[in-house]
Protein backbone atom coordinates (compact mmCIF):
# COMPACT_ATOMS: atom_id res chain seq x y z
CA MET A 1 107.34 144.36 69.40
CA GLN A 2 108.72 140.87 70.05
CA GLN A 3 107.34 139.61 66.73
CA TRP A 4 109.16 142.40 64.88
CA ILE A 5 112.46 141.47 66.51
CA VAL A 6 112.00 137.80 65.64
CA GLY A 7 111.02 138.72 62.08
CA ILE A 8 114.13 140.86 61.65
CA ALA A 9 116.31 138.06 63.02
CA VAL A 10 114.79 135.56 60.58
CA VAL A 11 115.28 137.92 57.63
CA LEU A 12 118.92 138.54 58.59
CA ALA A 13 119.54 134.80 58.93
CA ALA A 14 118.01 134.18 55.50
CA VAL A 15 120.14 136.91 53.91
CA TYR A 16 123.27 135.46 55.53
CA ALA A 17 122.43 131.94 54.31
CA VAL A 18 121.80 133.13 50.76
CA TRP A 19 125.02 135.18 50.78
CA SER A 20 127.03 132.20 52.07
CA PHE A 21 125.77 129.79 49.43
CA THR A 22 125.85 132.19 46.49
CA PRO A 23 128.67 131.45 44.03
CA GLU A 24 131.76 133.57 44.65
CA ARG A 25 131.60 135.25 41.26
CA TRP A 26 128.05 136.52 41.97
CA ARG A 27 129.04 137.68 45.47
CA GLN A 28 131.96 139.67 44.08
CA ARG A 29 129.79 141.39 41.48
CA LEU A 30 127.16 142.29 44.05
CA ALA A 31 129.75 143.40 46.61
CA ASN A 32 131.41 145.65 44.03
CA ARG A 33 128.08 147.27 43.24
CA LEU A 34 127.32 147.82 46.92
CA GLY A 35 130.86 148.83 47.87
CA TRP A 36 131.44 145.80 50.12
CA GLN A 37 134.75 144.53 48.74
CA ARG A 38 135.71 142.84 52.00
CA ALA A 39 132.45 140.91 52.18
CA ALA A 40 132.93 139.44 48.71
CA SER A 41 135.60 137.00 49.91
CA THR A 42 133.42 135.50 52.64
CA GLY A 43 131.14 132.55 52.13
CA GLY A 44 131.44 128.87 51.51
CA CYS A 45 130.76 128.29 47.85
CA HIS A 46 134.09 128.02 46.08
CA SER A 47 135.19 125.60 43.44
CA CYS A 48 136.56 122.33 44.71
CA ASP A 49 139.97 123.19 43.28
CA GLU A 50 140.58 125.82 45.96
CA CYS A 51 140.38 123.75 49.13
CA GLY A 52 140.59 120.19 47.80
CA SER A 53 137.92 118.93 50.21
CA CYS A 54 136.18 117.03 47.39
CA GLN A 55 139.31 115.07 46.53
CA ALA A 56 140.97 112.14 48.26
CA PRO A 57 144.03 113.06 50.36
CA ALA A 58 147.38 112.87 48.56
CA GLY A 59 148.78 109.35 48.39
CA GLN A 60 145.40 107.74 49.01
CA SER A 61 142.84 106.55 46.55
CA ASP A 62 139.36 105.17 46.85
CA PRO A 63 139.23 101.59 48.12
CA PRO A 64 138.72 98.95 45.44
CA PRO A 65 135.08 97.99 44.89
CA LYS A 66 133.84 94.86 46.63
CA ARG A 67 132.92 91.92 44.47
CA GLY A 68 129.51 90.48 45.09
């Protein structure tokens, strides 16, 4: 019985990880098919344009390269 519970927990964790890292467009298509419209907006894989975390903060640029 304990092995079944652990197995179910592992499967649920894997499904959650896959859902979180799936591109948003794919999640929305799948959520629409399954009727989970609210779940389509969750997850972490968005383009960098949305949150700006891949860009340098405004007013700052990368430091100049060091000369060897």
